[in-house]
Amino acid sequence: MIVNWRDLITNMNGGIKSLRQGAPDVMKSFSEMAKAAHSGDALDPKTKELIALALGVATRCAPCIAYHAEGAAKLGATRAEVLETMAMSIYMGAGPSAMYAAQALEAFDQLATPAV
């Protein structure tokens, strides 16, 4: 096991508690934003957790991955659903990189040629 995800959550909970004490207004606003994001009924809660898990992967946020993997599990997500979600994360991580690579090549081509 590379990471003990339960320990990571426990350790992060302490850090979040410190943030709530040190920056209560900001953290209260963050909690309210989280509640607002989870509200609505167009998407079910499990789907929202799977989206959050994918975004945790895309932003390379290990604590986000831990919290949302736990949330998805508690909401009954299957391993197959998580794997499909991860497939989309991988695709979207590679897709934007390919788009920026094309722009970088275009920038190089333009800038390597003397200005007229």
PDB file of N, CA and C in Angstrom:
ATOM      1  N   MET A   1       0.849  -1.174   0.000  1.00  0.00           N
ATOM      2  CA  MET A   1       0.000   0.000   0.000  1.00  0.00           C
ATOM      3  C   MET A   1       0.899   1.243   0.000  1.00  0.00           C
ATOM      4  N   ILE A   2       0.683   2.129  -0.940  1.00  0.00           N
ATOM      5  CA  ILE A   2       1.484   3.342  -1.050  1.00  0.00           C
ATOM      6  C   ILE A   2       1.080   4.347   0.012  1.00  0.00           C
ATOM      7  N   VAL A   3      -0.220   4.524   0.191  1.00  0.00           N
ATOM      8  CA  VAL A   3      -0.745   5.490   1.151  1.00  0.00           C
ATOM      9  C   VAL A   3      -1.782   4.788   2.006  1.00  0.00           C
ATOM     10  N   ASN A   4      -1.759   5.052   3.298  1.00  0.00           N
ATOM     11  CA  ASN A   4      -2.845   4.599   4.151  1.00  0.00           C
ATOM     12  C   ASN A   4      -3.886   5.710   4.140  1.00  0.00           C
ATOM     13  N   TRP A   5      -4.903   5.527   3.337  1.00  0.00           N
ATOM     14  CA  TRP A   5      -5.883   6.582   3.081  1.00  0.00           C
ATOM     15  C   TRP A   5      -6.691   6.930   4.318  1.00  0.00           C
ATOM     16  N   ARG A   6      -6.953   5.958   5.181  1.00  0.00           N
ATOM     17  CA  ARG A   6      -7.673   6.260   6.428  1.00  0.00           C
ATOM     18  C   ARG A   6      -6.828   7.159   7.325  1.00  0.00           C
ATOM     19  N   ASP A   7      -5.532   6.868   7.410  1.00  0.00           N
ATOM     20  CA  ASP A   7      -4.643   7.731   8.202  1.00  0.00           C
ATOM     21  C   ASP A   7      -4.566   9.128   7.602  1.00  0.00           C
ATOM     22  N   LEU A   8      -4.541   9.209   6.285  1.00  0.00           N
ATOM     23  CA  LEU A   8      -4.492  10.511   5.628  1.00  0.00           C
ATOM     24  C   LEU A   8      -5.720  11.337   6.012  1.00  0.00           C
ATOM     25  N   ILE A   9      -6.904  10.711   5.986  1.00  0.00           N
ATOM     26  CA  ILE A   9      -8.131  11.420   6.373  1.00  0.00           C
ATOM     27  C   ILE A   9      -8.047  11.871   7.828  1.00  0.00           C
ATOM     28  N   THR A  10      -7.611  10.984   8.707  1.00  0.00           N
ATOM     29  CA  THR A  10      -7.490  11.340  10.126  1.00  0.00           C
ATOM     30  C   THR A  10      -6.546  12.519  10.310  1.00  0.00           C
ATOM     31  N   ASN A  11      -5.402  12.470   9.650  1.00  0.00           N
ATOM     32  CA  ASN A  11      -4.435  13.566   9.765  1.00  0.00           C
ATOM     33  C   ASN A  11      -4.972  14.862   9.172  1.00  0.00           C
ATOM     34  N   MET A  12      -5.644  14.771   8.038  1.00  0.00           N
ATOM     35  CA  MET A  12      -6.206  15.975   7.414  1.00  0.00           C
ATOM     36  C   MET A  12      -7.316  16.570   8.263  1.00  0.00           C
ATOM     37  N   ASN A  13      -8.090  15.717   8.930  1.00  0.00           N
ATOM     38  CA  ASN A  13      -9.151  16.240   9.788  1.00  0.00           C
ATOM     39  C   ASN A  13      -8.587  17.170  10.852  1.00  0.00           C
ATOM     40  N   GLY A  14      -7.409  16.844  11.375  1.00  0.00           N
ATOM     41  CA  GLY A  14      -6.759  17.724  12.350  1.00  0.00           C
ATOM     42  C   GLY A  14      -6.362  19.047  11.730  1.00  0.00           C
ATOM     43  N   GLY A  15      -5.827  18.995  10.522  1.00  0.00           N
ATOM     44  CA  GLY A  15      -5.450  20.225   9.829  1.00  0.00           C
ATOM     45  C   GLY A  15      -6.650  21.083   9.492  1.00  0.00           C
ATOM     46  N   ILE A  16      -7.729  20.446   9.065  1.00  0.00           N
ATOM     47  CA  ILE A  16      -8.953  21.183   8.745  1.00  0.00           C
ATOM     48  C   ILE A  16      -9.522  21.814  10.010  1.00  0.00           C
ATOM     49  N   LYS A  17      -9.463  21.084  11.119  1.00  0.00           N
ATOM     50  CA  LYS A  17      -9.935  21.636  12.397  1.00  0.00           C
ATOM     51  C   LYS A  17      -9.147  22.892  12.751  1.00  0.00           C
ATOM     52  N   SER A  18      -7.841  22.857  12.554  1.00  0.00           N
ATOM     53  CA  SER A  18      -7.006  24.036  12.824  1.00  0.00           C
ATOM     54  C   SER A  18      -7.394  25.199  11.918  1.00  0.00           C
ATOM     55  N   LEU A  19      -7.678  24.908  10.656  1.00  0.00           N
ATOM     56  CA  LEU A  19      -8.119  25.962   9.739  1.00  0.00           C
ATOM     57  C   LEU A  19      -9.455  26.544  10.175  1.00  0.00           C
ATOM     58  N   ARG A  20     -10.372  25.679  10.600  1.00  0.00           N
ATOM     59  CA  ARG A  20     -11.682  26.164  11.053  1.00  0.00           C
ATOM     60  C   ARG A  20     -11.537  27.089  12.259  1.00  0.00           C
ATOM     61  N   GLN A  21     -10.582  26.772  13.139  1.00  0.00           N
ATOM     62  CA  GLN A  21     -10.346  27.619  14.311  1.00  0.00           C
ATOM     63  C   GLN A  21      -9.630  28.907  13.933  1.00  0.00           C
ATOM     64  N   GLY A  22      -8.681  28.818  13.022  1.00  0.00           N
ATOM     65  CA  GLY A  22      -7.867  29.977  12.670  1.00  0.00           C
ATOM     66  C   GLY A  22      -8.484  30.901  11.643  1.00  0.00           C
ATOM     67  N   ALA A  23      -9.320  30.360  10.782  1.00  0.00           N
ATOM     68  CA  ALA A  23      -9.969  31.159   9.737  1.00  0.00           C
ATOM     69  C   ALA A  23     -11.448  30.768   9.666  1.00  0.00           C
ATOM     70  N   PRO A  24     -12.180  31.029  10.748  1.00  0.00           N
ATOM     71  CA  PRO A  24     -13.553  30.525  10.822  1.00  0.00           C
ATOM     72  C   PRO A  24     -14.481  31.059   9.736  1.00  0.00           C
ATOM     73  N   ASP A  25     -14.347  32.321   9.382  1.00  0.00           N
ATOM     74  CA  ASP A  25     -15.238  32.884   8.362  1.00  0.00           C
ATOM     75  C   ASP A  25     -15.002  32.238   7.003  1.00  0.00           C
ATOM     76  N   VAL A  26     -13.741  32.082   6.650  1.00  0.00           N
ATOM     77  CA  VAL A  26     -13.403  31.470   5.363  1.00  0.00           C
ATOM     78  C   VAL A  26     -13.876  30.019   5.327  1.00  0.00           C
ATOM     79  N   MET A  27     -13.616  29.282   6.387  1.00  0.00           N
ATOM     80  CA  MET A  27     -13.987  27.869   6.403  1.00  0.00           C
ATOM     81  C   MET A  27     -15.502  27.686   6.479  1.00  0.00           C
ATOM     82  N   LYS A  28     -16.196  28.616   7.141  1.00  0.00           N
ATOM     83  CA  LYS A  28     -17.659  28.563   7.150  1.00  0.00           C
ATOM     84  C   LYS A  28     -18.184  28.766   5.729  1.00  0.00           C
ATOM     85  N   SER A  29     -17.594  29.715   5.024  1.00  0.00           N
ATOM     86  CA  SER A  29     -17.994  29.955   3.632  1.00  0.00           C
ATOM     87  C   SER A  29     -17.703  28.736   2.765  1.00  0.00           C
ATOM     88  N   PHE A  30     -16.561  28.096   3.001  1.00  0.00           N
ATOM     89  CA  PHE A  30     -16.218  26.886   2.254  1.00  0.00           C
ATOM     90  C   PHE A  30     -17.255  25.789   2.502  1.00  0.00           C
ATOM     91  N   SER A  31     -17.644  25.616   3.761  1.00  0.00           N
ATOM     92  CA  SER A  31     -18.650  24.603   4.099  1.00  0.00           C
ATOM     93  C   SER A  31     -19.989  24.913   3.448  1.00  0.00           C
ATOM     94  N   GLU A  32     -20.357  26.192   3.429  1.00  0.00           N
ATOM     95  CA  GLU A  32     -21.610  26.591   2.785  1.00  0.00           C
ATOM     96  C   GLU A  32     -21.552  26.336   1.279  1.00  0.00           C
ATOM     97  N   MET A  33     -20.385  26.588   0.677  1.00  0.00           N
ATOM     98  CA  MET A  33     -20.226  26.319  -0.748  1.00  0.00           C
ATOM     99  C   MET A  33     -20.365  24.815  -1.017  1.00  0.00           C
ATOM    100  N   ALA A  34     -19.776  24.002  -0.154  1.00  0.00           N
ATOM    101  CA  ALA A  34     -19.881  22.548  -0.308  1.00  0.00           C
ATOM    102  C   ALA A  34     -21.338  22.103  -0.223  1.00  0.00           C
ATOM    103  N   LYS A  35     -22.076  22.653   0.736  1.00  0.00           N
ATOM    104  CA  LYS A  35     -23.497  22.308   0.863  1.00  0.00           C
ATOM    105  C   LYS A  35     -24.259  22.719  -0.390  1.00  0.00           C
ATOM    106  N   ALA A  36     -23.965  23.900  -0.910  1.00  0.00           N
ATOM    107  CA  ALA A  36     -24.645  24.375  -2.119  1.00  0.00           C
ATOM    108  C   ALA A  36     -24.321  23.478  -3.311  1.00  0.00           C
ATOM    109  N   ALA A  37     -23.066  23.059  -3.420  1.00  0.00           N
ATOM    110  CA  ALA A  37     -22.665  22.191  -4.532  1.00  0.00           C
ATOM    111  C   ALA A  37     -23.356  20.829  -4.449  1.00  0.00           C
ATOM    112  N   HIS A  38     -23.605  20.361  -3.242  1.00  0.00           N
ATOM    113  CA  HIS A  38     -24.270  19.070  -3.060  1.00  0.00           C
ATOM    114  C   HIS A  38     -25.790  19.171  -3.150  1.00  0.00           C
ATOM    115  N   SER A  39     -26.324  20.382  -3.182  1.00  0.00           N
ATOM    116  CA  SER A  39     -27.779  20.534  -3.261  1.00  0.00           C
ATOM    117  C   SER A  39     -28.240  20.309  -4.699  1.00  0.00           C
ATOM    118  N   GLY A  40     -29.519  20.382  -4.897  1.00  0.00           N
ATOM    119  CA  GLY A  40     -30.060  20.134  -6.229  1.00  0.00           C
ATOM    120  C   GLY A  40     -30.322  18.664  -6.419  1.00  0.00           C
ATOM    121  N   ASP A  41     -31.136  18.356  -7.410  1.00  0.00           N
ATOM    122  CA  ASP A  41     -31.493  16.957  -7.600  1.00  0.00           C
ATOM    123  C   ASP A  41     -31.316  16.464  -9.031  1.00  0.00           C
ATOM    124  N   ALA A  42     -30.662  17.255  -9.869  1.00  0.00           N
ATOM    125  CA  ALA A  42     -30.415  16.795 -11.239  1.00  0.00           C
ATOM    126  C   ALA A  42     -29.409  15.643 -11.258  1.00  0.00           C
ATOM    127  N   LEU A  43     -28.439  15.688 -10.358  1.00  0.00           N
ATOM    128  CA  LEU A  43     -27.461  14.605 -10.210  1.00  0.00           C
ATOM    129  C   LEU A  43     -27.650  13.976  -8.838  1.00  0.00           C
ATOM    130  N   ASP A  44     -27.568  12.666  -8.773  1.00  0.00           N
ATOM    131  CA  ASP A  44     -27.692  12.010  -7.478  1.00  0.00           C
ATOM    132  C   ASP A  44     -26.391  12.189  -6.689  1.00  0.00           C
ATOM    133  N   PRO A  45     -26.451  12.045  -5.361  1.00  0.00           N
ATOM    134  CA  PRO A  45     -25.266  12.265  -4.526  1.00  0.00           C
ATOM    135  C   PRO A  45     -24.063  11.402  -4.906  1.00  0.00           C
ATOM    136  N   LYS A  46     -24.303  10.148  -5.290  1.00  0.00           N
ATOM    137  CA  LYS A  46     -23.184   9.272  -5.668  1.00  0.00           C
ATOM    138  C   LYS A  46     -22.471   9.811  -6.898  1.00  0.00           C
ATOM    139  N   THR A  47     -23.228  10.263  -7.883  1.00  0.00           N
ATOM    140  CA  THR A  47     -22.624  10.828  -9.094  1.00  0.00           C
ATOM    141  C   THR A  47     -21.804  12.059  -8.750  1.00  0.00           C
ATOM    142  N   LYS A  48     -22.322  12.893  -7.858  1.00  0.00           N
ATOM    143  CA  LYS A  48     -21.580  14.089  -7.441  1.00  0.00           C
ATOM    144  C   LYS A  48     -20.270  13.705  -6.762  1.00  0.00           C
ATOM    145  N   GLU A  49     -20.292  12.658  -5.941  1.00  0.00           N
ATOM    146  CA  GLU A  49     -19.055  12.206  -5.292  1.00  0.00           C
ATOM    147  C   GLU A  49     -18.071  11.655  -6.314  1.00  0.00           C
ATOM    148  N   LEU A  50     -18.564  10.940  -7.310  1.00  0.00           N
ATOM    149  CA  LEU A  50     -17.679  10.422  -8.355  1.00  0.00           C
ATOM    150  C   LEU A  50     -17.061  11.566  -9.155  1.00  0.00           C
ATOM    151  N   ILE A  51     -17.835  12.608  -9.417  1.00  0.00           N
ATOM    152  CA  ILE A  51     -17.285  13.787 -10.101  1.00  0.00           C
ATOM    153  C   ILE A  51     -16.212  14.429  -9.230  1.00  0.00           C
ATOM    154  N   ALA A  52     -16.496  14.574  -7.945  1.00  0.00           N
ATOM    155  CA  ALA A  52     -15.514  15.168  -7.032  1.00  0.00           C
ATOM    156  C   ALA A  52     -14.246  14.316  -6.974  1.00  0.00           C
ATOM    157  N   LEU A  53     -14.406  13.003  -6.995  1.00  0.00           N
ATOM    158  CA  LEU A  53     -13.249  12.106  -7.005  1.00  0.00           C
ATOM    159  C   LEU A  53     -12.420  12.320  -8.267  1.00  0.00           C
ATOM    160  N   ALA A  54     -13.092  12.426  -9.402  1.00  0.00           N
ATOM    161  CA  ALA A  54     -12.386  12.674 -10.667  1.00  0.00           C
ATOM    162  C   ALA A  54     -11.639  14.000 -10.625  1.00  0.00           C
ATOM    163  N   LEU A  55     -12.262  15.012 -10.046  1.00  0.00           N
ATOM    164  CA  LEU A  55     -11.597  16.313  -9.944  1.00  0.00           C
ATOM    165  C   LEU A  55     -10.419  16.259  -8.981  1.00  0.00           C
ATOM    166  N   GLY A  56     -10.528  15.453  -7.942  1.00  0.00           N
ATOM    167  CA  GLY A  56      -9.395  15.254  -7.042  1.00  0.00           C
ATOM    168  C   GLY A  56      -8.204  14.660  -7.778  1.00  0.00           C
ATOM    169  N   VAL A  57      -8.488  13.705  -8.657  1.00  0.00           N
ATOM    170  CA  VAL A  57      -7.432  13.114  -9.482  1.00  0.00           C
ATOM    171  C   VAL A  57      -6.862  14.167 -10.425  1.00  0.00           C
ATOM    172  N   ALA A  58      -7.740  14.896 -11.104  1.00  0.00           N
ATOM    173  CA  ALA A  58      -7.294  15.884 -12.095  1.00  0.00           C
ATOM    174  C   ALA A  58      -6.450  16.986 -11.472  1.00  0.00           C
ATOM    175  N   THR A  59      -6.765  17.347 -10.223  1.00  0.00           N
ATOM    176  CA  THR A  59      -6.010  18.416  -9.555  1.00  0.00           C
ATOM    177  C   THR A  59      -4.868  17.867  -8.704  1.00  0.00           C
ATOM    178  N   ARG A  60      -4.713  16.548  -8.726  1.00  0.00           N
ATOM    179  CA  ARG A  60      -3.637  15.873  -7.995  1.00  0.00           C
ATOM    180  C   ARG A  60      -3.670  16.200  -6.496  1.00  0.00           C
ATOM    181  N   CYS A  61      -4.858  16.104  -5.916  1.00  0.00           N
ATOM    182  CA  CYS A  61      -5.080  16.424  -4.505  1.00  0.00           C
ATOM    183  C   CYS A  61      -5.339  15.131  -3.737  1.00  0.00           C
ATOM    184  N   ALA A  62      -4.295  14.594  -3.101  1.00  0.00           N
ATOM    185  CA  ALA A  62      -4.435  13.320  -2.389  1.00  0.00           C
ATOM    186  C   ALA A  62      -5.515  13.365  -1.306  1.00  0.00           C
ATOM    187  N   PRO A  63      -5.575  14.415  -0.480  1.00  0.00           N
ATOM    188  CA  PRO A  63      -6.652  14.445   0.510  1.00  0.00           C
ATOM    189  C   PRO A  63      -8.040  14.490  -0.134  1.00  0.00           C
ATOM    190  N   CYS A  64      -8.165  15.204  -1.256  1.00  0.00           N
ATOM    191  CA  CYS A  64      -9.451  15.241  -1.970  1.00  0.00           C
ATOM    192  C   CYS A  64      -9.822  13.843  -2.439  1.00  0.00           C
ATOM    193  N   ILE A  65      -8.841  13.116  -2.959  1.00  0.00           N
ATOM    194  CA  ILE A  65      -9.075  11.742  -3.398  1.00  0.00           C
ATOM    195  C   ILE A  65      -9.564  10.905  -2.220  1.00  0.00           C
ATOM    196  N   ALA A  66      -8.905  11.042  -1.078  1.00  0.00           N
ATOM    197  CA  ALA A  66      -9.285  10.259   0.098  1.00  0.00           C
ATOM    198  C   ALA A  66     -10.716  10.555   0.527  1.00  0.00           C
ATOM    199  N   TYR A  67     -11.026  11.825   0.701  1.00  0.00           N
ATOM    200  CA  TYR A  67     -12.368  12.194   1.170  1.00  0.00           C
ATOM    201  C   TYR A  67     -13.453  11.753   0.187  1.00  0.00           C
ATOM    202  N   HIS A  68     -13.217  11.933  -1.104  1.00  0.00           N
ATOM    203  CA  HIS A  68     -14.268  11.630  -2.070  1.00  0.00           C
ATOM    204  C   HIS A  68     -14.332  10.145  -2.421  1.00  0.00           C
ATOM    205  N   ALA A  69     -13.235   9.418  -2.290  1.00  0.00           N
ATOM    206  CA  ALA A  69     -13.297   7.955  -2.418  1.00  0.00           C
ATOM    207  C   ALA A  69     -14.127   7.394  -1.268  1.00  0.00           C
ATOM    208  N   GLU A  70     -13.897   7.930  -0.076  1.00  0.00           N
ATOM    209  CA  GLU A  70     -14.686   7.510   1.083  1.00  0.00           C
ATOM    210  C   GLU A  70     -16.163   7.860   0.881  1.00  0.00           C
ATOM    211  N   GLY A  71     -16.421   9.074   0.407  1.00  0.00           N
ATOM    212  CA  GLY A  71     -17.799   9.494   0.167  1.00  0.00           C
ATOM    213  C   GLY A  71     -18.490   8.625  -0.866  1.00  0.00           C
ATOM    214  N   ALA A  72     -17.784   8.321  -1.953  1.00  0.00           N
ATOM    215  CA  ALA A  72     -18.360   7.473  -2.999  1.00  0.00           C
ATOM    216  C   ALA A  72     -18.656   6.076  -2.453  1.00  0.00           C
ATOM    217  N   ALA A  73     -17.741   5.542  -1.653  1.00  0.00           N
ATOM    218  CA  ALA A  73     -17.950   4.215  -1.063  1.00  0.00           C
ATOM    219  C   ALA A  73     -19.168   4.220  -0.144  1.00  0.00           C
ATOM    220  N   LYS A  74     -19.281   5.247   0.681  1.00  0.00           N
ATOM    221  CA  LYS A  74     -20.420   5.337   1.603  1.00  0.00           C
ATOM    222  C   LYS A  74     -21.742   5.460   0.855  1.00  0.00           C
ATOM    223  N   LEU A  75     -21.706   6.035  -0.336  1.00  0.00           N
ATOM    224  CA  LEU A  75     -22.925   6.207  -1.124  1.00  0.00           C
ATOM    225  C   LEU A  75     -23.200   5.024  -2.052  1.00  0.00           C
ATOM    226  N   GLY A  76     -22.381   3.973  -1.922  1.00  0.00           N
ATOM    227  CA  GLY A  76     -22.652   2.746  -2.659  1.00  0.00           C
ATOM    228  C   GLY A  76     -22.025   2.633  -4.032  1.00  0.00           C
ATOM    229  N   ALA A  77     -21.045   3.467  -4.343  1.00  0.00           N
ATOM    230  CA  ALA A  77     -20.380   3.353  -5.641  1.00  0.00           C
ATOM    231  C   ALA A  77     -19.697   1.989  -5.739  1.00  0.00           C
ATOM    232  N   THR A  78     -19.726   1.435  -6.921  1.00  0.00           N
ATOM    233  CA  THR A  78     -19.058   0.156  -7.150  1.00  0.00           C
ATOM    234  C   THR A  78     -17.641   0.411  -7.670  1.00  0.00           C
ATOM    235  N   ARG A  79     -16.826  -0.612  -7.585  1.00  0.00           N
ATOM    236  CA  ARG A  79     -15.470  -0.505  -8.127  1.00  0.00           C
ATOM    237  C   ARG A  79     -15.524  -0.221  -9.626  1.00  0.00           C
ATOM    238  N   ALA A  80     -16.479  -0.831 -10.321  1.00  0.00           N
ATOM    239  CA  ALA A  80     -16.630  -0.598 -11.766  1.00  0.00           C
ATOM    240  C   ALA A  80     -16.965   0.867 -12.044  1.00  0.00           C
ATOM    241  N   GLU A  81     -17.823   1.462 -11.223  1.00  0.00           N
ATOM    242  CA  GLU A  81     -18.160   2.883 -11.403  1.00  0.00           C
ATOM    243  C   GLU A  81     -16.942   3.768 -11.157  1.00  0.00           C
ATOM    244  N   VAL A  82     -16.172   3.428 -10.137  1.00  0.00           N
ATOM    245  CA  VAL A  82     -14.961   4.206  -9.857  1.00  0.00           C
ATOM    246  C   VAL A  82     -13.968   4.051 -11.001  1.00  0.00           C
ATOM    247  N   LEU A  83     -13.822   2.843 -11.535  1.00  0.00           N
ATOM    248  CA  LEU A  83     -12.901   2.642 -12.654  1.00  0.00           C
ATOM    249  C   LEU A  83     -13.327   3.433 -13.884  1.00  0.00           C
ATOM    250  N   GLU A  84     -14.623   3.492 -14.178  1.00  0.00           N
ATOM    251  CA  GLU A  84     -15.082   4.312 -15.308  1.00  0.00           C
ATOM    252  C   GLU A  84     -14.817   5.784 -15.043  1.00  0.00           C
ATOM    253  N   THR A  85     -15.021   6.200 -13.805  1.00  0.00           N
ATOM    254  CA  THR A  85     -14.738   7.588 -13.427  1.00  0.00           C
ATOM    255  C   THR A  85     -13.254   7.886 -13.596  1.00  0.00           C
ATOM    256  N   MET A  86     -12.395   6.943 -13.190  1.00  0.00           N
ATOM    257  CA  MET A  86     -10.954   7.141 -13.331  1.00  0.00           C
ATOM    258  C   MET A  86     -10.554   7.163 -14.798  1.00  0.00           C
ATOM    259  N   ALA A  87     -11.227   6.362 -15.622  1.00  0.00           N
ATOM    260  CA  ALA A  87     -10.947   6.387 -17.059  1.00  0.00           C
ATOM    261  C   ALA A  87     -11.210   7.779 -17.619  1.00  0.00           C
ATOM    262  N   MET A  88     -12.289   8.409 -17.186  1.00  0.00           N
ATOM    263  CA  MET A  88     -12.587   9.773 -17.640  1.00  0.00           C
ATOM    264  C   MET A  88     -11.545  10.757 -17.112  1.00  0.00           C
ATOM    265  N   SER A  89     -11.080  10.555 -15.880  1.00  0.00           N
ATOM    266  CA  SER A  89     -10.034  11.423 -15.325  1.00  0.00           C
ATOM    267  C   SER A  89      -8.756  11.324 -16.138  1.00  0.00           C
ATOM    268  N   ILE A  90      -8.387  10.106 -16.485  1.00  0.00           N
ATOM    269  CA  ILE A  90      -7.179   9.893 -17.289  1.00  0.00           C
ATOM    270  C   ILE A  90      -7.345  10.539 -18.656  1.00  0.00           C
ATOM    271  N   TYR A  91      -8.490  10.321 -19.279  1.00  0.00           N
ATOM    272  CA  TYR A  91      -8.770  10.907 -20.589  1.00  0.00           C
ATOM    273  C   TYR A  91      -8.683  12.426 -20.534  1.00  0.00           C
ATOM    274  N   MET A  92      -9.317  13.037 -19.545  1.00  0.00           N
ATOM    275  CA  MET A  92      -9.331  14.498 -19.476  1.00  0.00           C
ATOM    276  C   MET A  92      -7.975  15.056 -19.060  1.00  0.00           C
ATOM    277  N   GLY A  93      -7.186  14.275 -18.338  1.00  0.00           N
ATOM    278  CA  GLY A  93      -5.832  14.722 -18.027  1.00  0.00           C
ATOM    279  C   GLY A  93      -4.957  14.712 -19.267  1.00  0.00           C
ATOM    280  N   ALA A  94      -5.150  13.708 -20.101  1.00  0.00           N
ATOM    281  CA  ALA A  94      -4.349  13.602 -21.317  1.00  0.00           C
ATOM    282  C   ALA A  94      -4.844  14.547 -22.396  1.00  0.00           C
ATOM    283  N   GLY A  95      -6.155  14.687 -22.518  1.00  0.00           N
ATOM    284  CA  GLY A  95      -6.731  15.554 -23.545  1.00  0.00           C
ATOM    285  C   GLY A  95      -6.246  16.986 -23.444  1.00  0.00           C
ATOM    286  N   PRO A  96      -6.395  17.632 -22.283  1.00  0.00           N
ATOM    287  CA  PRO A  96      -5.903  19.000 -22.159  1.00  0.00           C
ATOM    288  C   PRO A  96      -4.398  19.109 -22.397  1.00  0.00           C
ATOM    289  N   SER A  97      -3.638  18.113 -21.973  1.00  0.00           N
ATOM    290  CA  SER A  97      -2.194  18.151 -22.234  1.00  0.00           C
ATOM    291  C   SER A  97      -1.922  18.140 -23.729  1.00  0.00           C
ATOM    292  N   ALA A  98      -2.674  17.346 -24.477  1.00  0.00           N
ATOM    293  CA  ALA A  98      -2.505  17.313 -25.932  1.00  0.00           C
ATOM    294  C   ALA A  98      -2.862  18.661 -26.549  1.00  0.00           C
ATOM    295  N   MET A  99      -3.912  19.299 -26.050  1.00  0.00           N
ATOM    296  CA  MET A  99      -4.320  20.601 -26.588  1.00  0.00           C
ATOM    297  C   MET A  99      -3.249  21.668 -26.322  1.00  0.00           C
ATOM    298  N   TYR A 100      -2.711  21.666 -25.103  1.00  0.00           N
ATOM    299  CA  TYR A 100      -1.655  22.626 -24.776  1.00  0.00           C
ATOM    300  C   TYR A 100      -0.370  22.307 -25.525  1.00  0.00           C
ATOM    301  N   ALA A 101      -0.107  21.023 -25.763  1.00  0.00           N
ATOM    302  CA  ALA A 101       1.077  20.650 -26.535  1.00  0.00           C
ATOM    303  C   ALA A 101       0.980  21.204 -27.949  1.00  0.00           C
ATOM    304  N   ALA A 102      -0.200  21.137 -28.550  1.00  0.00           N
ATOM    305  CA  ALA A 102      -0.391  21.703 -29.896  1.00  0.00           C
ATOM    306  C   ALA A 102      -0.156  23.211 -29.880  1.00  0.00           C
ATOM    307  N   GLN A 103      -0.630  23.888 -28.834  1.00  0.00           N
ATOM    308  CA  GLN A 103      -0.406  25.332 -28.722  1.00  0.00           C
ATOM    309  C   GLN A 103       1.072  25.643 -28.511  1.00  0.00           C
ATOM    310  N   ALA A 104       1.745  24.817 -27.700  1.00  0.00           N
ATOM    311  CA  ALA A 104       3.170  25.035 -27.457  1.00  0.00           C
ATOM    312  C   ALA A 104       3.969  24.867 -28.742  1.00  0.00           C
ATOM    313  N   LEU A 105       3.612  23.866 -29.544  1.00  0.00           N
ATOM    314  CA  LEU A 105       4.292  23.658 -30.820  1.00  0.00           C
ATOM    315  C   LEU A 105       4.048  24.843 -31.748  1.00  0.00           C
ATOM    316  N   GLU A 106       2.811  25.325 -31.796  1.00  0.00           N
ATOM    317  CA  GLU A 106       2.487  26.493 -32.611  1.00  0.00           C
ATOM    318  C   GLU A 106       3.278  27.714 -32.138  1.00  0.00           C
ATOM    319  N   ALA A 107       3.360  27.909 -30.821  1.00  0.00           N
ATOM    320  CA  ALA A 107       4.129  29.035 -30.280  1.00  0.00           C
ATOM    321  C   ALA A 107       5.592  28.918 -30.677  1.00  0.00           C
ATOM    322  N   PHE A 108       6.156  27.703 -30.536  1.00  0.00           N
ATOM    323  CA  PHE A 108       7.547  27.500 -30.922  1.00  0.00           C
ATOM    324  C   PHE A 108       7.741  27.804 -32.400  1.00  0.00           C
ATOM    325  N   ASP A 109       6.861  27.252 -33.233  1.00  0.00           N
ATOM    326  CA  ASP A 109       6.986  27.470 -34.675  1.00  0.00           C
ATOM    327  C   ASP A 109       6.945  28.954 -35.014  1.00  0.00           C
ATOM    328  N   GLN A 110       6.044  29.692 -34.389  1.00  0.00           N
ATOM    329  CA  GLN A 110       5.937  31.126 -34.652  1.00  0.00           C
ATOM    330  C   GLN A 110       7.158  31.880 -34.137  1.00  0.00           C
ATOM    331  N   LEU A 111       7.614  31.535 -32.942  1.00  0.00           N
ATOM    332  CA  LEU A 111       8.693  32.290 -32.307  1.00  0.00           C
ATOM    333  C   LEU A 111      10.077  31.881 -32.796  1.00  0.00           C
ATOM    334  N   ALA A 112      10.200  30.705 -33.384  1.00  0.00           N
ATOM    335  CA  ALA A 112      11.488  30.262 -33.920  1.00  0.00           C
ATOM    336  C   ALA A 112      11.757  30.866 -35.293  1.00  0.00           C
ATOM    337  N   THR A 113      10.724  31.373 -35.909  1.00  0.00           N
ATOM    338  CA  THR A 113      10.852  32.013 -37.221  1.00  0.00           C
ATOM    339  C   THR A 113      11.069  33.504 -37.008  1.00  0.00           C
ATOM    340  N   PRO A 114      12.088  34.087 -37.640  1.00  0.00           N
ATOM    341  CA  PRO A 114      12.319  35.525 -37.454  1.00  0.00           C
ATOM    342  C   PRO A 114      11.087  36.342 -37.839  1.00  0.00           C
ATOM    343  N   ALA A 115      10.821  37.365 -37.026  1.00  0.00           N
ATOM    344  CA  ALA A 115       9.680  38.252 -37.299  1.00  0.00           C
ATOM    345  C   ALA A 115       9.929  39.014 -38.589  1.00  0.00           C
ATOM    346  N   VAL A 116       8.888  39.234 -39.332  1.00  0.00           N
ATOM    347  CA  VAL A 116       8.994  39.947 -40.610  1.00  0.00           C
ATOM    348  C   VAL A 116       8.573  41.381 -40.421  1.00  0.00           C
TER     349      VAL A 116
END
